[in-house]
Amino acid sequence: MAEAHGGVVVNADASQVYRDLRTLSARPSPADEARVPHRLFGHVDGADTGYSAARWAAEAREAIAAIHAGGRLPVLVGGTGLYLRTLIDGIAPVPDIDANVRGMVRALPVSEAHRLLAAEDPAAAARLAPADTTRVARALEVVRSTGRPLADWQAERIGGIGATIRLAAVRLLPPRDPLLTRIDERAAAMLAGDALTEVAALMARPDVPEDAPVRRAIGVAALADHLAGRLSPGETLASLRHDTRRYAKRQYTWFRNQPPPEWQIATENSTTANLIDSLLL
């Protein structure tokens, strides 16, 4: 589709931003990237622990503006709903969190952090799962650092481009059984390909901390356990398939229910381009 319309492909997938994980994140191949220009793929080093939806949205805004200035069509692809919402709708203007507050909060066991959150931001504690380490810590550090609950900040949005562009959006929601089959086949191909080599290189880097976002990419933990002798090849494949299926289910649910109704739905790759063509016309 990007070829037919003189487009430039812009990545909107949180794992495909990392240069360390081409195979594991299923980034476009060098041959694909040679067909049309690609932006924001593999441009972040795994040691960068500060990459976020806000940073991606800022980079995407710049990339889209440059593509438009060049008279070409930006084609966003990827399944990270938070990235897309941040770009289109904007982001809550939460101030930088005090480093001491963040350090103290992140050092707490999640059960203790959730107990404290229930006292300091009861609404957030009621909304979040007690074992959700990342979101519980985020809500607690925000209320402690700013004096305002996270929900108050999230009620405000700045920086979104939704009102300044024309968006032709298509959601690809294929039938579940063929989707699960493709997931299983993809997991096996990754394990037989370069995924193990990628993860081994990542684990060997002393500059990539244990809490680096790149380590949370689907498959990294399972392959790291395999490399350490904790999982057999069969167990590793089963874990990779299970984790990918679970993530795909969350993505499927989000893209079915969260986007506005004018975002069209395609059930097969072959119909996606036709739908986009009709929207552009």
Protein backbone atom coordinates (compact mmCIF):
# COMPACT_ATOMS: atom_id res chain seq x y z
CA MET A 1 0.00 0.00 0.00
CA ALA A 2 2.82 2.41 0.87
CA GLU A 3 4.43 1.63 -2.48
CA ALA A 4 1.23 2.31 -4.40
CA HIS A 5 0.74 5.72 -2.78
CA GLY A 6 4.34 6.89 -2.57
CA GLY A 7 4.21 6.42 1.18
CA VAL A 8 6.72 6.25 3.99
CA VAL A 9 6.19 3.55 6.62
CA VAL A 10 6.34 4.80 10.22
CA ASN A 11 6.67 2.28 13.03
CA ALA A 12 4.10 2.32 15.85
CA ASP A 13 5.23 -0.85 17.65
CA ALA A 14 6.92 -0.56 21.04
CA SER A 15 9.29 -3.51 20.52
CA GLN A 16 10.29 -2.74 16.94
CA VAL A 17 11.94 0.52 17.99
CA TYR A 18 14.87 -1.47 19.45
CA ARG A 19 17.78 -2.26 17.18
CA ASP A 20 18.68 -5.28 19.32
CA LEU A 21 15.59 -7.34 18.43
CA ARG A 22 14.99 -7.42 14.67
CA THR A 23 13.99 -11.10 14.57
CA LEU A 24 12.23 -11.34 17.93
CA SER A 25 10.12 -8.23 17.30
CA ALA A 26 9.40 -9.24 13.66
CA ARG A 27 10.75 -5.99 12.28
CA PRO A 28 10.57 -5.57 8.49
CA SER A 29 13.39 -7.33 6.68
CA PRO A 30 16.14 -5.36 4.92
CA ALA A 31 14.45 -6.30 1.63
CA ASP A 32 11.15 -4.82 2.82
CA GLU A 33 12.88 -1.68 4.04
CA ALA A 34 14.52 -1.26 0.63
CA ARG A 35 11.14 -1.13 -1.14
CA VAL A 36 9.94 2.07 0.54
CA PRO A 37 11.42 4.39 3.20
CA HIS A 38 10.90 3.24 6.80
CA ARG A 39 11.08 5.45 9.90
CA LEU A 40 11.43 4.73 13.64
CA PHE A 41 12.41 1.08 13.22
CA GLY A 42 15.41 -0.18 15.19
CA HIS A 43 16.60 3.31 16.09
CA VAL A 44 16.73 2.88 19.89
CA ASP A 45 19.58 1.15 21.71
CA GLY A 46 18.56 -1.47 24.26
CA ALA A 47 20.53 0.33 26.97
CA ASP A 48 18.16 3.31 26.69
CA THR A 49 15.92 2.89 29.74
CA GLY A 50 14.02 6.14 29.23
CA TYR A 51 12.24 5.42 25.97
CA SER A 52 8.48 5.89 26.32
CA ALA A 53 5.23 6.49 24.48
CA ALA A 54 5.77 10.23 24.94
CA ARG A 55 9.19 10.10 23.29
CA TRP A 56 7.91 7.98 20.45
CA ALA A 57 4.99 10.35 19.89
CA ALA A 58 7.35 13.33 19.72
CA GLU A 59 9.53 11.50 17.18
CA ALA A 60 6.48 10.39 15.21
CA ARG A 61 5.15 13.96 15.05
CA GLU A 62 8.48 15.12 13.62
CA ALA A 63 8.62 12.22 11.16
CA ILE A 64 5.05 12.79 9.97
CA ALA A 65 5.65 16.52 9.52
CA ALA A 66 8.80 15.83 7.49
CA ILE A 67 7.02 13.24 5.33
CA HIS A 68 4.16 15.66 4.65
CA ALA A 69 6.66 18.42 3.85
CA GLY A 70 8.21 16.10 1.27
CA GLY A 71 4.84 15.56 -0.39
CA ARG A 72 4.55 11.93 0.66
CA LEU A 73 2.02 9.89 2.65
CA PRO A 74 2.88 8.73 6.20
CA VAL A 75 1.70 5.14 6.75
CA LEU A 76 1.68 4.22 10.44
CA VAL A 77 1.87 0.49 11.15
CA GLY A 78 2.00 -1.39 14.41
CA GLY A 79 -0.04 -2.65 17.27
CA THR A 80 0.89 -0.58 20.32
CA GLY A 81 -2.36 1.13 21.21
CA LEU A 82 -0.76 3.38 23.83
CA TYR A 83 1.62 4.77 21.21
CA LEU A 84 -1.21 5.54 18.81
CA ARG A 85 -3.41 7.12 21.49
CA THR A 86 -0.54 9.28 22.69
CA LEU A 87 0.18 10.52 19.17
CA ILE A 88 -3.43 11.14 18.17
CA ASP A 89 -5.05 12.25 21.44
CA GLY A 90 -2.05 13.68 23.28
CA ILE A 91 -0.53 12.82 26.63
CA ALA A 92 -1.20 13.79 30.21
CA PRO A 93 1.19 16.62 31.21
CA VAL A 94 2.60 14.84 34.27
CA PRO A 95 5.70 16.70 35.53
CA ASP A 96 9.00 14.87 35.85
CA ILE A 97 8.96 12.62 38.88
CA ASP A 98 11.39 13.46 41.68
CA ALA A 99 14.26 10.96 41.43
CA ASN A 100 14.26 10.23 45.16
CA VAL A 101 10.53 9.55 45.14
CA ARG A 102 10.87 7.26 42.12
CA GLY A 103 13.75 5.36 43.71
CA MET A 104 11.86 4.77 46.96
CA VAL A 105 8.66 3.71 45.20
CA ARG A 106 10.36 1.38 42.74
CA ALA A 107 12.22 -0.32 45.58
CA LEU A 108 8.97 -1.34 47.29
CA PRO A 109 7.44 -4.80 46.89
CA VAL A 110 4.32 -4.46 44.77
CA SER A 111 2.09 -5.58 47.65
CA GLU A 112 3.41 -2.78 49.86
CA ALA A 113 3.19 -0.24 47.04
CA HIS A 114 -0.44 -1.19 46.46
CA ARG A 115 -1.22 -0.90 50.19
CA LEU A 116 0.27 2.61 50.28
CA LEU A 117 -1.53 3.55 47.07
CA ALA A 118 -4.85 2.54 48.66
CA ALA A 119 -4.19 5.14 51.35
CA GLU A 120 -2.89 7.92 49.08
CA ASP A 121 -4.93 7.40 45.89
CA PRO A 122 -7.81 5.00 46.69
CA ALA A 123 -9.39 5.34 43.25
CA ALA A 124 -6.20 4.23 41.51
CA ALA A 125 -5.71 1.34 43.94
CA ALA A 126 -9.26 0.16 43.27
CA ARG A 127 -8.72 0.40 39.52
CA LEU A 128 -5.36 -1.38 39.33
CA ALA A 129 -4.58 -5.05 39.87
CA PRO A 130 -2.59 -5.47 43.12
CA ALA A 131 0.12 -7.40 41.25
CA ASP A 132 0.52 -4.85 38.43
CA THR A 133 4.01 -3.72 39.43
CA THR A 134 4.53 -1.08 36.74
CA ARG A 135 1.15 0.69 36.94
CA VAL A 136 0.92 0.58 40.74
CA ALA A 137 4.38 2.11 41.05
CA ARG A 138 3.54 4.76 38.46
CA ALA A 139 0.36 5.81 40.23
CA LEU A 140 2.10 5.95 43.62
CA GLU A 141 5.10 7.93 42.40
CA VAL A 142 2.86 10.45 40.63
CA VAL A 143 0.66 11.18 43.63
CA ARG A 144 3.68 11.41 45.93
CA SER A 145 5.74 13.60 43.61
CA THR A 146 3.00 15.94 42.38
CA GLY A 147 0.39 15.88 45.11
CA ARG A 148 -2.28 15.02 42.54
CA PRO A 149 -3.70 11.61 41.58
CA LEU A 150 -2.66 10.24 38.21
CA ALA A 151 -6.29 10.31 37.02
CA ASP A 152 -6.34 14.10 37.49
CA TRP A 153 -3.37 14.47 35.18
CA GLN A 154 -4.81 11.99 32.68
CA ALA A 155 -7.94 14.11 32.36
CA GLU A 156 -5.74 16.67 30.56
CA ARG A 157 -4.20 15.97 27.16
CA ILE A 158 -1.57 17.94 25.25
CA GLY A 159 0.37 17.39 22.04
CA GLY A 160 -2.09 15.25 20.09
CA ILE A 161 -2.24 15.62 16.31
CA GLY A 162 -5.73 14.18 15.82
CA ALA A 163 -7.30 17.57 15.18
CA THR A 164 -4.67 18.65 12.65
CA ILE A 165 -4.51 15.66 10.29
CA ARG A 166 -6.84 13.55 8.19
CA LEU A 167 -6.64 9.99 9.46
CA ALA A 168 -7.59 6.97 7.32
CA ALA A 169 -7.46 4.09 9.81
CA VAL A 170 -7.98 0.37 9.33
CA ARG A 171 -7.88 -2.26 12.06
CA LEU A 172 -6.72 -5.72 10.99
CA LEU A 173 -8.71 -8.24 13.07
CA PRO A 174 -8.27 -11.64 11.41
CA PRO A 175 -10.22 -14.78 12.39
CA ARG A 176 -8.81 -16.14 15.61
CA ASP A 177 -7.93 -19.70 14.55
CA PRO A 178 -5.76 -18.68 11.56
CA LEU A 179 -4.21 -15.96 13.75
CA LEU A 180 -3.22 -18.48 16.41
CA THR A 181 -1.78 -20.78 13.76
CA ARG A 182 0.36 -17.94 12.38
CA ILE A 183 1.52 -17.06 15.90
CA ASP A 184 2.63 -20.64 16.52
CA GLU A 185 4.43 -20.81 13.19
CA ARG A 186 6.11 -17.47 13.78
CA ALA A 187 7.33 -18.55 17.22
CA ALA A 188 8.90 -21.69 15.78
CA ALA A 189 10.56 -19.71 12.98
CA MET A 190 11.99 -17.22 15.46
CA LEU A 191 13.41 -19.96 17.65
CA ALA A 192 14.97 -21.61 14.60
CA GLY A 193 16.29 -18.27 13.35
CA ASP A 194 18.29 -15.50 14.97
CA ALA A 195 16.13 -14.82 18.03
CA LEU A 196 18.36 -16.81 20.39
CA THR A 197 21.45 -15.03 19.10
CA GLU A 198 19.77 -11.65 19.62
CA VAL A 199 18.78 -12.42 23.19
CA ALA A 200 22.18 -13.90 24.01
CA ALA A 201 23.84 -10.69 22.82
CA LEU A 202 21.36 -8.60 24.81
CA MET A 203 21.90 -10.60 28.01
CA ALA A 204 25.67 -10.30 27.61
CA ARG A 205 25.59 -6.50 27.57
CA PRO A 206 26.61 -5.06 30.95
CA ASP A 207 25.07 -1.69 30.06
CA VAL A 208 21.51 -3.05 29.73
CA PRO A 209 20.00 -3.18 33.25
CA GLU A 210 17.59 -5.87 34.36
CA ASP A 211 14.67 -3.42 34.37
CA ALA A 212 15.38 -2.06 30.87
CA PRO A 213 12.18 -1.90 28.77
CA VAL A 214 13.81 -3.91 25.98
CA ARG A 215 13.98 -6.91 28.32
CA ARG A 216 10.18 -6.86 28.63
CA ALA A 217 9.69 -7.54 24.92
CA ILE A 218 7.70 -10.73 24.26
CA GLY A 219 10.04 -13.71 24.20
CA VAL A 220 13.10 -12.21 25.85
CA ALA A 221 12.46 -13.82 29.25
CA ALA A 222 11.72 -17.27 27.79
CA LEU A 223 14.76 -17.27 25.54
CA ALA A 224 16.97 -15.98 28.36
CA ASP A 225 15.75 -18.85 30.56
CA HIS A 226 16.55 -21.30 27.75
CA LEU A 227 20.05 -19.89 27.36
CA ALA A 228 20.56 -20.24 31.11
CA GLY A 229 19.47 -23.88 31.01
CA ARG A 230 16.23 -23.32 32.89
CA LEU A 231 13.96 -24.25 29.96
CA SER A 232 14.25 -27.03 27.40
CA PRO A 233 13.77 -26.22 23.70
CA GLY A 234 10.21 -27.56 23.85
CA GLU A 235 9.40 -25.58 26.98
CA THR A 236 10.89 -22.45 25.44
CA LEU A 237 8.76 -22.78 22.32
CA ALA A 238 5.64 -23.39 24.41
CA SER A 239 6.37 -20.31 26.53
CA LEU A 240 7.02 -18.14 23.49
CA ARG A 241 3.76 -19.27 21.89
CA HIS A 242 1.79 -18.77 25.11
CA ASP A 243 3.14 -15.28 25.77
CA THR A 244 2.58 -14.19 22.18
CA ARG A 245 -0.97 -15.56 22.14
CA ARG A 246 -1.77 -13.76 25.40
CA TYR A 247 -0.43 -10.47 24.07
CA ALA A 248 -2.29 -10.91 20.78
CA LYS A 249 -5.52 -11.45 22.74
CA ARG A 250 -4.98 -8.14 24.58
CA GLN A 251 -4.22 -6.36 21.31
CA TYR A 252 -7.26 -7.89 19.62
CA THR A 253 -9.52 -6.78 22.47
CA TRP A 254 -8.08 -3.25 22.51
CA PHE A 255 -8.36 -2.69 18.76
CA ARG A 256 -11.86 -4.16 18.66
CA ASN A 257 -13.21 -1.97 21.47
CA GLN A 258 -11.11 1.16 22.00
CA PRO A 259 -10.69 2.97 18.66
CA PRO A 260 -13.51 5.15 17.33
CA PRO A 261 -16.09 3.42 15.11
CA GLU A 262 -14.90 5.21 11.97
CA TRP A 263 -11.73 3.10 12.09
CA GLN A 264 -12.57 0.44 9.51
CA ILE A 265 -12.10 -3.28 10.18
CA ALA A 266 -10.36 -5.72 7.82
CA THR A 267 -10.26 -9.45 8.45
CA GLU A 268 -7.50 -10.30 5.97
CA ASN A 269 -4.29 -8.61 4.85
CA SER A 270 -5.54 -8.66 1.27
CA THR A 271 -8.51 -6.42 2.09
CA THR A 272 -6.58 -3.89 4.18
CA ALA A 273 -5.05 -2.08 1.21
CA ASN A 274 -8.41 -1.89 -0.56
CA LEU A 275 -10.06 -0.36 2.48
CA ILE A 276 -7.30 2.22 2.85
CA ASP A 277 -7.50 3.03 -0.86
CA SER A 278 -11.22 3.71 -0.52
CA LEU A 279 -10.70 5.89 2.56
CA LEU A 280 -8.00 7.92 0.83
CA LEU A 281 -10.24 8.49 -2.17
